[in-house]
Amino acid sequence: HGDRSNATTYHKLNTIEVERKRAQFSTWYEFFPRSAAQEPGK
């Protein structure tokens, strides 16, 4: 409750994008769906 009337505020607003945990920690595996068949030639 003290006097803050002469406070200085930084002249810019910085922004932060808060994302879900998987943006920071993820383990990727890539394969081609067209090569997923169990039988040769399909």
ModelCIF file with pLDDT and N, C-alpha, C, O atoms, coordinates in Angstrom:
data_MODEL
#
_entry.id   MODEL 
#
_entity.id                         1 
_entity.type                       polymer 
_entity.pdbx_number_of_molecules   1 
#
_entity_poly.entity_id                      1 
_entity_poly.type                           'polypeptide(L)' 
_entity_poly.nstd_linkage                   no 
_entity_poly.nstd_monomer                   no 
_entity_poly.pdbx_seq_one_letter_code       HGDRSNATTYHKLNTIEVERKRAQFSTWYEFFPRSAAQEPGK 
_entity_poly.pdbx_seq_one_letter_code_can   HGDRSNATTYHKLNTIEVERKRAQFSTWYEFFPRSAAQEPGK 
_entity_poly.pdbx_strand_id                 A 
#
loop_
_entity_poly_seq.entity_id 
_entity_poly_seq.num 
_entity_poly_seq.mon_id 
_entity_poly_seq.hetero 
1 1  HIS n 
1 2  GLY n 
1 3  ASP n 
1 4  ARG n 
1 5  SER n 
1 6  ASN n 
1 7  ALA n 
1 8  THR n 
1 9  THR n 
1 10 TYR n 
1 11 HIS n 
1 12 LYS n 
1 13 LEU n 
1 14 ASN n 
1 15 THR n 
1 16 ILE n 
1 17 GLU n 
1 18 VAL n 
1 19 GLU n 
1 20 ARG n 
1 21 LYS n 
1 22 ARG n 
1 23 ALA n 
1 24 GLN n 
1 25 PHE n 
1 26 SER n 
1 27 THR n 
1 28 TRP n 
1 29 TYR n 
1 30 GLU n 
1 31 PHE n 
1 32 PHE n 
1 33 PRO n 
1 34 ARG n 
1 35 SER n 
1 36 ALA n 
1 37 ALA n 
1 38 GLN n 
1 39 GLU n 
1 40 PRO n 
1 41 GLY n 
1 42 LYS n 
#
_struct_asym.id          A 
_struct_asym.entity_id   1 
#
loop_
_ma_qa_metric.id 
_ma_qa_metric.mode 
_ma_qa_metric.name 
_ma_qa_metric.software_group_id 
_ma_qa_metric.type 
1 global pLDDT . pLDDT 
2 local  pLDDT . pLDDT 
#
_ma_qa_metric_global.metric_id      1 
_ma_qa_metric_global.metric_value   96.29 
_ma_qa_metric_global.model_id       1 
_ma_qa_metric_global.ordinal_id     1 
#
loop_
_ma_qa_metric_local.label_asym_id 
_ma_qa_metric_local.label_comp_id 
_ma_qa_metric_local.label_seq_id 
_ma_qa_metric_local.metric_id 
_ma_qa_metric_local.metric_value 
_ma_qa_metric_local.model_id 
_ma_qa_metric_local.ordinal_id 
A HIS 1  2 95.00 1 1  
A GLY 2  2 93.00 1 2  
A ASP 3  2 92.00 1 3  
A ARG 4  2 94.00 1 4  
A SER 5  2 92.00 1 5  
A ASN 6  2 95.00 1 6  
A ALA 7  2 97.00 1 7  
A THR 8  2 97.00 1 8  
A THR 9  2 97.00 1 9  
A TYR 10 2 97.00 1 10 
A HIS 11 2 93.00 1 11 
A LYS 12 2 93.00 1 12 
A LEU 13 2 95.00 1 13 
A ASN 14 2 96.00 1 14 
A THR 15 2 97.00 1 15 
A ILE 16 2 97.00 1 16 
A GLU 17 2 97.00 1 17 
A VAL 18 2 97.00 1 18 
A GLU 19 2 98.00 1 19 
A ARG 20 2 98.00 1 20 
A LYS 21 2 98.00 1 21 
A ARG 22 2 98.00 1 22 
A ALA 23 2 98.00 1 23 
A GLN 24 2 98.00 1 24 
A PHE 25 2 98.00 1 25 
A SER 26 2 98.00 1 26 
A THR 27 2 98.00 1 27 
A TRP 28 2 98.00 1 28 
A TYR 29 2 98.00 1 29 
A GLU 30 2 98.00 1 30 
A PHE 31 2 98.00 1 31 
A PHE 32 2 98.00 1 32 
A PRO 33 2 98.00 1 33 
A ARG 34 2 98.00 1 34 
A SER 35 2 98.00 1 35 
A ALA 36 2 98.00 1 36 
A ALA 37 2 97.00 1 37 
A GLN 38 2 92.00 1 38 
A GLU 39 2 93.00 1 39 
A PRO 40 2 94.00 1 40 
A GLY 41 2 93.00 1 41 
A LYS 42 2 97.00 1 42 
#
loop_
_atom_site.group_PDB 
_atom_site.id 
_atom_site.type_symbol 
_atom_site.label_atom_id 
_atom_site.label_alt_id 
_atom_site.label_comp_id 
_atom_site.label_asym_id 
_atom_site.label_entity_id 
_atom_site.label_seq_id 
_atom_site.pdbx_PDB_ins_code 
_atom_site.Cartn_x 
_atom_site.Cartn_y 
_atom_site.Cartn_z 
_atom_site.occupancy 
_atom_site.B_iso_or_equiv 
_atom_site.pdbx_formal_charge 
_atom_site.auth_seq_id 
_atom_site.auth_comp_id 
_atom_site.auth_asym_id 
_atom_site.auth_atom_id 
_atom_site.pdbx_PDB_model_num 
ATOM 1   N N  . HIS A 1 1  ? 0.801  -1.227  0.000   1.00 95.00 ? 1  HIS A N  1 
ATOM 2   C CA . HIS A 1 1  ? 0.000  0.000   0.000   1.00 95.00 ? 1  HIS A CA 1 
ATOM 3   C C  . HIS A 1 1  ? 0.834  1.277   0.000   1.00 95.00 ? 1  HIS A C  1 
ATOM 4   O O  . HIS A 1 1  ? 0.283  2.371   0.117   1.00 95.00 ? 1  HIS A O  1 
ATOM 5   N N  . GLY A 1 2  ? 2.147  1.154   -0.128  1.00 93.00 ? 2  GLY A N  1 
ATOM 6   C CA . GLY A 1 2  ? 2.976  2.338   -0.193  1.00 93.00 ? 2  GLY A CA 1 
ATOM 7   C C  . GLY A 1 2  ? 2.800  3.090   -1.507  1.00 93.00 ? 2  GLY A C  1 
ATOM 8   O O  . GLY A 1 2  ? 2.139  2.608   -2.426  1.00 93.00 ? 2  GLY A O  1 
ATOM 9   N N  . ASP A 1 3  ? 3.386  4.250   -1.582  1.00 92.00 ? 3  ASP A N  1 
ATOM 10  C CA . ASP A 1 3  ? 3.218  5.138   -2.744  1.00 92.00 ? 3  ASP A CA 1 
ATOM 11  C C  . ASP A 1 3  ? 3.992  4.607   -3.951  1.00 92.00 ? 3  ASP A C  1 
ATOM 12  O O  . ASP A 1 3  ? 5.215  4.472   -3.911  1.00 92.00 ? 3  ASP A O  1 
ATOM 13  N N  . ARG A 1 4  ? 3.254  4.307   -5.029  1.00 94.00 ? 4  ARG A N  1 
ATOM 14  C CA . ARG A 1 4  ? 3.878  3.876   -6.284  1.00 94.00 ? 4  ARG A CA 1 
ATOM 15  C C  . ARG A 1 4  ? 3.555  4.855   -7.422  1.00 94.00 ? 4  ARG A C  1 
ATOM 16  O O  . ARG A 1 4  ? 3.757  4.533   -8.593  1.00 94.00 ? 4  ARG A O  1 
ATOM 17  N N  . SER A 1 5  ? 3.071  6.006   -7.090  1.00 92.00 ? 5  SER A N  1 
ATOM 18  C CA . SER A 1 5  ? 2.575  6.920   -8.118  1.00 92.00 ? 5  SER A CA 1 
ATOM 19  C C  . SER A 1 5  ? 3.655  7.388   -9.077  1.00 92.00 ? 5  SER A C  1 
ATOM 20  O O  . SER A 1 5  ? 3.349  7.776   -10.204 1.00 92.00 ? 5  SER A O  1 
ATOM 21  N N  . ASN A 1 6  ? 4.891  7.361   -8.660  1.00 95.00 ? 6  ASN A N  1 
ATOM 22  C CA . ASN A 1 6  ? 5.980  7.806   -9.531  1.00 95.00 ? 6  ASN A CA 1 
ATOM 23  C C  . ASN A 1 6  ? 6.791  6.626   -10.076 1.00 95.00 ? 6  ASN A C  1 
ATOM 24  O O  . ASN A 1 6  ? 7.962  6.780   -10.424 1.00 95.00 ? 6  ASN A O  1 
ATOM 25  N N  . ALA A 1 7  ? 6.169  5.459   -10.147 1.00 97.00 ? 7  ALA A N  1 
ATOM 26  C CA . ALA A 1 7  ? 6.861  4.263   -10.642 1.00 97.00 ? 7  ALA A CA 1 
ATOM 27  C C  . ALA A 1 7  ? 7.196  4.401   -12.124 1.00 97.00 ? 7  ALA A C  1 
ATOM 28  O O  . ALA A 1 7  ? 6.473  5.044   -12.885 1.00 97.00 ? 7  ALA A O  1 
ATOM 29  N N  . THR A 1 8  ? 8.293  3.791   -12.505 1.00 97.00 ? 8  THR A N  1 
ATOM 30  C CA . THR A 1 8  ? 8.681  3.691   -13.915 1.00 97.00 ? 8  THR A CA 1 
ATOM 31  C C  . THR A 1 8  ? 8.300  2.306   -14.424 1.00 97.00 ? 8  THR A C  1 
ATOM 32  O O  . THR A 1 8  ? 8.629  1.296   -13.801 1.00 97.00 ? 8  THR A O  1 
ATOM 33  N N  . THR A 1 9  ? 7.613  2.261   -15.548 1.00 97.00 ? 9  THR A N  1 
ATOM 34  C CA . THR A 1 9  ? 7.268  0.988   -16.175 1.00 97.00 ? 9  THR A CA 1 
ATOM 35  C C  . THR A 1 9  ? 8.055  0.855   -17.467 1.00 97.00 ? 9  THR A C  1 
ATOM 36  O O  . THR A 1 9  ? 8.116  1.784   -18.271 1.00 97.00 ? 9  THR A O  1 
ATOM 37  N N  . TYR A 1 10 ? 8.658  -0.317  -17.656 1.00 97.00 ? 10 TYR A N  1 
ATOM 38  C CA . TYR A 1 10 ? 9.426  -0.554  -18.877 1.00 97.00 ? 10 TYR A CA 1 
ATOM 39  C C  . TYR A 1 10 ? 8.561  -0.245  -20.091 1.00 97.00 ? 10 TYR A C  1 
ATOM 40  O O  . TYR A 1 10 ? 7.377  -0.581  -20.120 1.00 97.00 ? 10 TYR A O  1 
ATOM 41  N N  . HIS A 1 11 ? 9.149  0.387   -21.078 1.00 93.00 ? 11 HIS A N  1 
ATOM 42  C CA . HIS A 1 11 ? 8.372  0.962   -22.173 1.00 93.00 ? 11 HIS A CA 1 
ATOM 43  C C  . HIS A 1 11 ? 7.852  -0.056  -23.180 1.00 93.00 ? 11 HIS A C  1 
ATOM 44  O O  . HIS A 1 11 ? 7.181  0.319   -24.142 1.00 93.00 ? 11 HIS A O  1 
ATOM 45  N N  . LYS A 1 12 ? 8.151  -1.348  -22.974 1.00 93.00 ? 12 LYS A N  1 
ATOM 46  C CA . LYS A 1 12 ? 7.675  -2.354  -23.917 1.00 93.00 ? 12 LYS A CA 1 
ATOM 47  C C  . LYS A 1 12 ? 6.972  -3.479  -23.169 1.00 93.00 ? 12 LYS A C  1 
ATOM 48  O O  . LYS A 1 12 ? 7.295  -3.781  -22.020 1.00 93.00 ? 12 LYS A O  1 
ATOM 49  N N  . LEU A 1 13 ? 6.004  -4.090  -23.845 1.00 95.00 ? 13 LEU A N  1 
ATOM 50  C CA . LEU A 1 13 ? 5.390  -5.315  -23.358 1.00 95.00 ? 13 LEU A CA 1 
ATOM 51  C C  . LEU A 1 13 ? 6.037  -6.489  -24.079 1.00 95.00 ? 13 LEU A C  1 
ATOM 52  O O  . LEU A 1 13 ? 6.018  -6.552  -25.308 1.00 95.00 ? 13 LEU A O  1 
ATOM 53  N N  . ASN A 1 14 ? 6.603  -7.408  -23.328 1.00 96.00 ? 14 ASN A N  1 
ATOM 54  C CA . ASN A 1 14 ? 7.147  -8.625  -23.922 1.00 96.00 ? 14 ASN A CA 1 
ATOM 55  C C  . ASN A 1 14 ? 6.098  -9.728  -23.842 1.00 96.00 ? 14 ASN A C  1 
ATOM 56  O O  . ASN A 1 14 ? 5.302  -9.766  -22.903 1.00 96.00 ? 14 ASN A O  1 
ATOM 57  N N  . THR A 1 15 ? 6.096  -10.612 -24.815 1.00 97.00 ? 15 THR A N  1 
ATOM 58  C CA . THR A 1 15 ? 5.106  -11.681 -24.847 1.00 97.00 ? 15 THR A CA 1 
ATOM 59  C C  . THR A 1 15 ? 5.781  -13.046 -24.753 1.00 97.00 ? 15 THR A C  1 
ATOM 60  O O  . THR A 1 15 ? 6.904  -13.240 -25.216 1.00 97.00 ? 15 THR A O  1 
ATOM 61  N N  . ILE A 1 16 ? 5.071  -13.971 -24.147 1.00 97.00 ? 16 ILE A N  1 
ATOM 62  C CA . ILE A 1 16 ? 5.551  -15.341 -23.938 1.00 97.00 ? 16 ILE A CA 1 
ATOM 63  C C  . ILE A 1 16 ? 4.465  -16.296 -24.406 1.00 97.00 ? 16 ILE A C  1 
ATOM 64  O O  . ILE A 1 16 ? 3.318  -16.196 -23.971 1.00 97.00 ? 16 ILE A O  1 
ATOM 65  N N  . GLU A 1 17 ? 4.817  -17.217 -25.286 1.00 97.00 ? 17 GLU A N  1 
ATOM 66  C CA . GLU A 1 17 ? 3.872  -18.232 -25.741 1.00 97.00 ? 17 GLU A CA 1 
ATOM 67  C C  . GLU A 1 17 ? 4.028  -19.464 -24.860 1.00 97.00 ? 17 GLU A C  1 
ATOM 68  O O  . GLU A 1 17 ? 5.062  -20.131 -24.885 1.00 97.00 ? 17 GLU A O  1 
ATOM 69  N N  . VAL A 1 18 ? 2.994  -19.758 -24.085 1.00 97.00 ? 18 VAL A N  1 
ATOM 70  C CA . VAL A 1 18 ? 3.021  -20.914 -23.188 1.00 97.00 ? 18 VAL A CA 1 
ATOM 71  C C  . VAL A 1 18 ? 2.410  -22.100 -23.932 1.00 97.00 ? 18 VAL A C  1 
ATOM 72  O O  . VAL A 1 18 ? 1.232  -22.086 -24.287 1.00 97.00 ? 18 VAL A O  1 
ATOM 73  N N  . GLU A 1 19 ? 3.221  -23.112 -24.158 1.00 98.00 ? 19 GLU A N  1 
ATOM 74  C CA . GLU A 1 19 ? 2.811  -24.263 -24.953 1.00 98.00 ? 19 GLU A CA 1 
ATOM 75  C C  . GLU A 1 19 ? 2.738  -25.502 -24.066 1.00 98.00 ? 19 GLU A C  1 
ATOM 76  O O  . GLU A 1 19 ? 3.177  -25.489 -22.916 1.00 98.00 ? 19 GLU A O  1 
ATOM 77  N N  . ARG A 1 20 ? 2.183  -26.558 -24.617 1.00 98.00 ? 20 ARG A N  1 
ATOM 78  C CA . ARG A 1 20 ? 2.099  -27.780 -23.826 1.00 98.00 ? 20 ARG A CA 1 
ATOM 79  C C  . ARG A 1 20 ? 3.449  -28.485 -23.768 1.00 98.00 ? 20 ARG A C  1 
ATOM 80  O O  . ARG A 1 20 ? 4.352  -28.195 -24.553 1.00 98.00 ? 20 ARG A O  1 
ATOM 81  N N  . LYS A 1 21 ? 3.569  -29.402 -22.836 1.00 98.00 ? 21 LYS A N  1 
ATOM 82  C CA . LYS A 1 21 ? 4.842  -30.049 -22.547 1.00 98.00 ? 21 LYS A CA 1 
ATOM 83  C C  . LYS A 1 21 ? 5.448  -30.729 -23.772 1.00 98.00 ? 21 LYS A C  1 
ATOM 84  O O  . LYS A 1 21 ? 6.669  -30.750 -23.923 1.00 98.00 ? 21 LYS A O  1 
ATOM 85  N N  . ARG A 1 22 ? 4.620  -31.277 -24.637 1.00 98.00 ? 22 ARG A N  1 
ATOM 86  C CA . ARG A 1 22 ? 5.156  -32.015 -25.791 1.00 98.00 ? 22 ARG A CA 1 
ATOM 87  C C  . ARG A 1 22 ? 5.909  -31.118 -26.756 1.00 98.00 ? 22 ARG A C  1 
ATOM 88  O O  . ARG A 1 22 ? 6.713  -31.606 -27.550 1.00 98.00 ? 22 ARG A O  1 
ATOM 89  N N  . ALA A 1 23 ? 5.664  -29.813 -26.704 1.00 98.00 ? 23 ALA A N  1 
ATOM 90  C CA . ALA A 1 23 ? 6.459  -28.909 -27.527 1.00 98.00 ? 23 ALA A CA 1 
ATOM 91  C C  . ALA A 1 23 ? 7.914  -28.927 -27.093 1.00 98.00 ? 23 ALA A C  1 
ATOM 92  O O  . ALA A 1 23 ? 8.809  -28.695 -27.907 1.00 98.00 ? 23 ALA A O  1 
ATOM 93  N N  . GLN A 1 24 ? 8.156  -29.199 -25.822 1.00 98.00 ? 24 GLN A N  1 
ATOM 94  C CA . GLN A 1 24 ? 9.516  -29.216 -25.285 1.00 98.00 ? 24 GLN A CA 1 
ATOM 95  C C  . GLN A 1 24 ? 10.111 -30.615 -25.225 1.00 98.00 ? 24 GLN A C  1 
ATOM 96  O O  . GLN A 1 24 ? 11.326 -30.776 -25.343 1.00 98.00 ? 24 GLN A O  1 
ATOM 97  N N  . PHE A 1 25 ? 9.273  -31.623 -25.044 1.00 98.00 ? 25 PHE A N  1 
ATOM 98  C CA . PHE A 1 25 ? 9.771  -32.987 -24.878 1.00 98.00 ? 25 PHE A CA 1 
ATOM 99  C C  . PHE A 1 25 ? 8.943  -33.926 -25.736 1.00 98.00 ? 25 PHE A C  1 
ATOM 100 O O  . PHE A 1 25 ? 7.783  -34.201 -25.429 1.00 98.00 ? 25 PHE A O  1 
ATOM 101 N N  . SER A 1 26 ? 9.544  -34.420 -26.814 1.00 98.00 ? 26 SER A N  1 
ATOM 102 C CA . SER A 1 26 ? 8.836  -35.320 -27.720 1.00 98.00 ? 26 SER A CA 1 
ATOM 103 C C  . SER A 1 26 ? 9.831  -36.248 -28.392 1.00 98.00 ? 26 SER A C  1 
ATOM 104 O O  . SER A 1 26 ? 11.008 -35.922 -28.547 1.00 98.00 ? 26 SER A O  1 
ATOM 105 N N  . THR A 1 27 ? 9.334  -37.412 -28.787 1.00 98.00 ? 27 THR A N  1 
ATOM 106 C CA . THR A 1 27 ? 10.167 -38.440 -29.402 1.00 98.00 ? 27 THR A CA 1 
ATOM 107 C C  . THR A 1 27 ? 9.453  -38.913 -30.665 1.00 98.00 ? 27 THR A C  1 
ATOM 108 O O  . THR A 1 27 ? 8.423  -39.584 -30.592 1.00 98.00 ? 27 THR A O  1 
ATOM 109 N N  . TRP A 1 28 ? 10.008 -38.558 -31.826 1.00 98.00 ? 28 TRP A N  1 
ATOM 110 C CA . TRP A 1 28 ? 9.330  -38.739 -33.117 1.00 98.00 ? 28 TRP A CA 1 
ATOM 111 C C  . TRP A 1 28 ? 9.814  -40.001 -33.835 1.00 98.00 ? 28 TRP A C  1 
ATOM 112 O O  . TRP A 1 28 ? 10.987 -40.370 -33.783 1.00 98.00 ? 28 TRP A O  1 
ATOM 113 N N  . TYR A 1 29 ? 8.861  -40.639 -34.503 1.00 98.00 ? 29 TYR A N  1 
ATOM 114 C CA . TYR A 1 29 ? 9.174  -41.775 -35.368 1.00 98.00 ? 29 TYR A CA 1 
ATOM 115 C C  . TYR A 1 29 ? 8.455  -41.547 -36.695 1.00 98.00 ? 29 TYR A C  1 
ATOM 116 O O  . TYR A 1 29 ? 7.270  -41.215 -36.724 1.00 98.00 ? 29 TYR A O  1 
ATOM 117 N N  . GLU A 1 30 ? 9.184  -41.731 -37.782 1.00 98.00 ? 30 GLU A N  1 
ATOM 118 C CA . GLU A 1 30 ? 8.618  -41.504 -39.109 1.00 98.00 ? 30 GLU A CA 1 
ATOM 119 C C  . GLU A 1 30 ? 8.595  -42.792 -39.910 1.00 98.00 ? 30 GLU A C  1 
ATOM 120 O O  . GLU A 1 30 ? 9.604  -43.491 -40.000 1.00 98.00 ? 30 GLU A O  1 
ATOM 121 N N  . PHE A 1 31 ? 7.444  -43.107 -40.491 1.00 98.00 ? 31 PHE A N  1 
ATOM 122 C CA . PHE A 1 31 ? 7.421  -44.150 -41.516 1.00 98.00 ? 31 PHE A CA 1 
ATOM 123 C C  . PHE A 1 31 ? 6.368  -43.806 -42.563 1.00 98.00 ? 31 PHE A C  1 
ATOM 124 O O  . PHE A 1 31 ? 5.457  -43.014 -42.320 1.00 98.00 ? 31 PHE A O  1 
ATOM 125 N N  . PHE A 1 32 ? 6.516  -44.421 -43.733 1.00 98.00 ? 32 PHE A N  1 
ATOM 126 C CA . PHE A 1 32 ? 5.605  -44.179 -44.847 1.00 98.00 ? 32 PHE A CA 1 
ATOM 127 C C  . PHE A 1 32 ? 4.400  -45.113 -44.713 1.00 98.00 ? 32 PHE A C  1 
ATOM 128 O O  . PHE A 1 32 ? 4.583  -46.330 -44.738 1.00 98.00 ? 32 PHE A O  1 
ATOM 129 N N  . PRO A 1 33 ? 3.195  -44.603 -44.575 1.00 98.00 ? 33 PRO A N  1 
ATOM 130 C CA . PRO A 1 33 ? 2.021  -45.479 -44.444 1.00 98.00 ? 33 PRO A CA 1 
ATOM 131 C C  . PRO A 1 33 ? 1.869  -46.461 -45.599 1.00 98.00 ? 33 PRO A C  1 
ATOM 132 O O  . PRO A 1 33 ? 1.386  -47.577 -45.409 1.00 98.00 ? 33 PRO A O  1 
ATOM 133 N N  . ARG A 1 34 ? 2.278  -46.051 -46.786 1.00 98.00 ? 34 ARG A N  1 
ATOM 134 C CA . ARG A 1 34 ? 2.105  -46.950 -47.933 1.00 98.00 ? 34 ARG A CA 1 
ATOM 135 C C  . ARG A 1 34 ? 3.040  -48.148 -47.857 1.00 98.00 ? 34 ARG A C  1 
ATOM 136 O O  . ARG A 1 34 ? 2.861  -49.118 -48.593 1.00 98.00 ? 34 ARG A O  1 
ATOM 137 N N  . SER A 1 35 ? 4.049  -48.092 -46.964 1.00 98.00 ? 35 SER A N  1 
ATOM 138 C CA . SER A 1 35 ? 4.963  -49.229 -46.780 1.00 98.00 ? 35 SER A CA 1 
ATOM 139 C C  . SER A 1 35 ? 4.623  -50.032 -45.530 1.00 98.00 ? 35 SER A C  1 
ATOM 140 O O  . SER A 1 35 ? 5.462  -50.787 -45.039 1.00 98.00 ? 35 SER A O  1 
ATOM 141 N N  . ALA A 1 36 ? 3.409  -49.884 -45.007 1.00 98.00 ? 36 ALA A N  1 
ATOM 142 C CA . ALA A 1 36 ? 3.042  -50.533 -43.747 1.00 98.00 ? 36 ALA A CA 1 
ATOM 143 C C  . ALA A 1 36 ? 2.424  -51.916 -43.934 1.00 98.00 ? 36 ALA A C  1 
ATOM 144 O O  . ALA A 1 36 ? 2.164  -52.609 -42.951 1.00 98.00 ? 36 ALA A O  1 
ATOM 145 N N  . ALA A 1 37 ? 2.187  -52.324 -45.169 1.00 97.00 ? 37 ALA A N  1 
ATOM 146 C CA . ALA A 1 37 ? 1.534  -53.618 -45.398 1.00 97.00 ? 37 ALA A CA 1 
ATOM 147 C C  . ALA A 1 37 ? 2.413  -54.762 -44.912 1.00 97.00 ? 37 ALA A C  1 
ATOM 148 O O  . ALA A 1 37 ? 3.641  -54.697 -44.977 1.00 97.00 ? 37 ALA A O  1 
ATOM 149 N N  . GLN A 1 38 ? 1.766  -55.796 -44.433 1.00 92.00 ? 38 GLN A N  1 
ATOM 150 C CA . GLN A 1 38 ? 2.514  -56.957 -43.947 1.00 92.00 ? 38 GLN A CA 1 
ATOM 151 C C  . GLN A 1 38 ? 2.870  -57.919 -45.069 1.00 92.00 ? 38 GLN A C  1 
ATOM 152 O O  . GLN A 1 38 ? 3.785  -58.729 -44.922 1.00 92.00 ? 38 GLN A O  1 
ATOM 153 N N  . GLU A 1 39 ? 2.155  -57.840 -46.197 1.00 93.00 ? 39 GLU A N  1 
ATOM 154 C CA . GLU A 1 39 ? 2.416  -58.746 -47.310 1.00 93.00 ? 39 GLU A CA 1 
ATOM 155 C C  . GLU A 1 39 ? 3.205  -58.033 -48.396 1.00 93.00 ? 39 GLU A C  1 
ATOM 156 O O  . GLU A 1 39 ? 2.877  -56.899 -48.744 1.00 93.00 ? 39 GLU A O  1 
ATOM 157 N N  . PRO A 1 40 ? 4.241  -58.672 -48.942 1.00 94.00 ? 40 PRO A N  1 
ATOM 158 C CA . PRO A 1 40 ? 5.015  -58.063 -50.027 1.00 94.00 ? 40 PRO A CA 1 
ATOM 159 C C  . PRO A 1 40 ? 4.128  -57.753 -51.232 1.00 94.00 ? 40 PRO A C  1 
ATOM 160 O O  . PRO A 1 40 ? 3.196  -58.492 -51.552 1.00 94.00 ? 40 PRO A O  1 
ATOM 161 N N  . GLY A 1 41 ? 4.449  -56.636 -51.891 1.00 93.00 ? 41 GLY A N  1 
ATOM 162 C CA . GLY A 1 41 ? 3.742  -56.275 -53.109 1.00 93.00 ? 41 GLY A CA 1 
ATOM 163 C C  . GLY A 1 41 ? 2.433  -55.555 -52.899 1.00 93.00 ? 41 GLY A C  1 
ATOM 164 O O  . GLY A 1 41 ? 1.765  -55.199 -53.870 1.00 93.00 ? 41 GLY A O  1 
ATOM 165 N N  . LYS A 1 42 ? 2.044  -55.329 -51.645 1.00 97.00 ? 42 LYS A N  1 
ATOM 166 C CA . LYS A 1 42 ? 0.791  -54.643 -51.377 1.00 97.00 ? 42 LYS A CA 1 
ATOM 167 C C  . LYS A 1 42 ? 1.045  -53.226 -50.889 1.00 97.00 ? 42 LYS A C  1 
ATOM 168 O O  . LYS A 1 42 ? 0.098  -52.490 -50.611 1.00 97.00 ? 42 LYS A O  1 
#
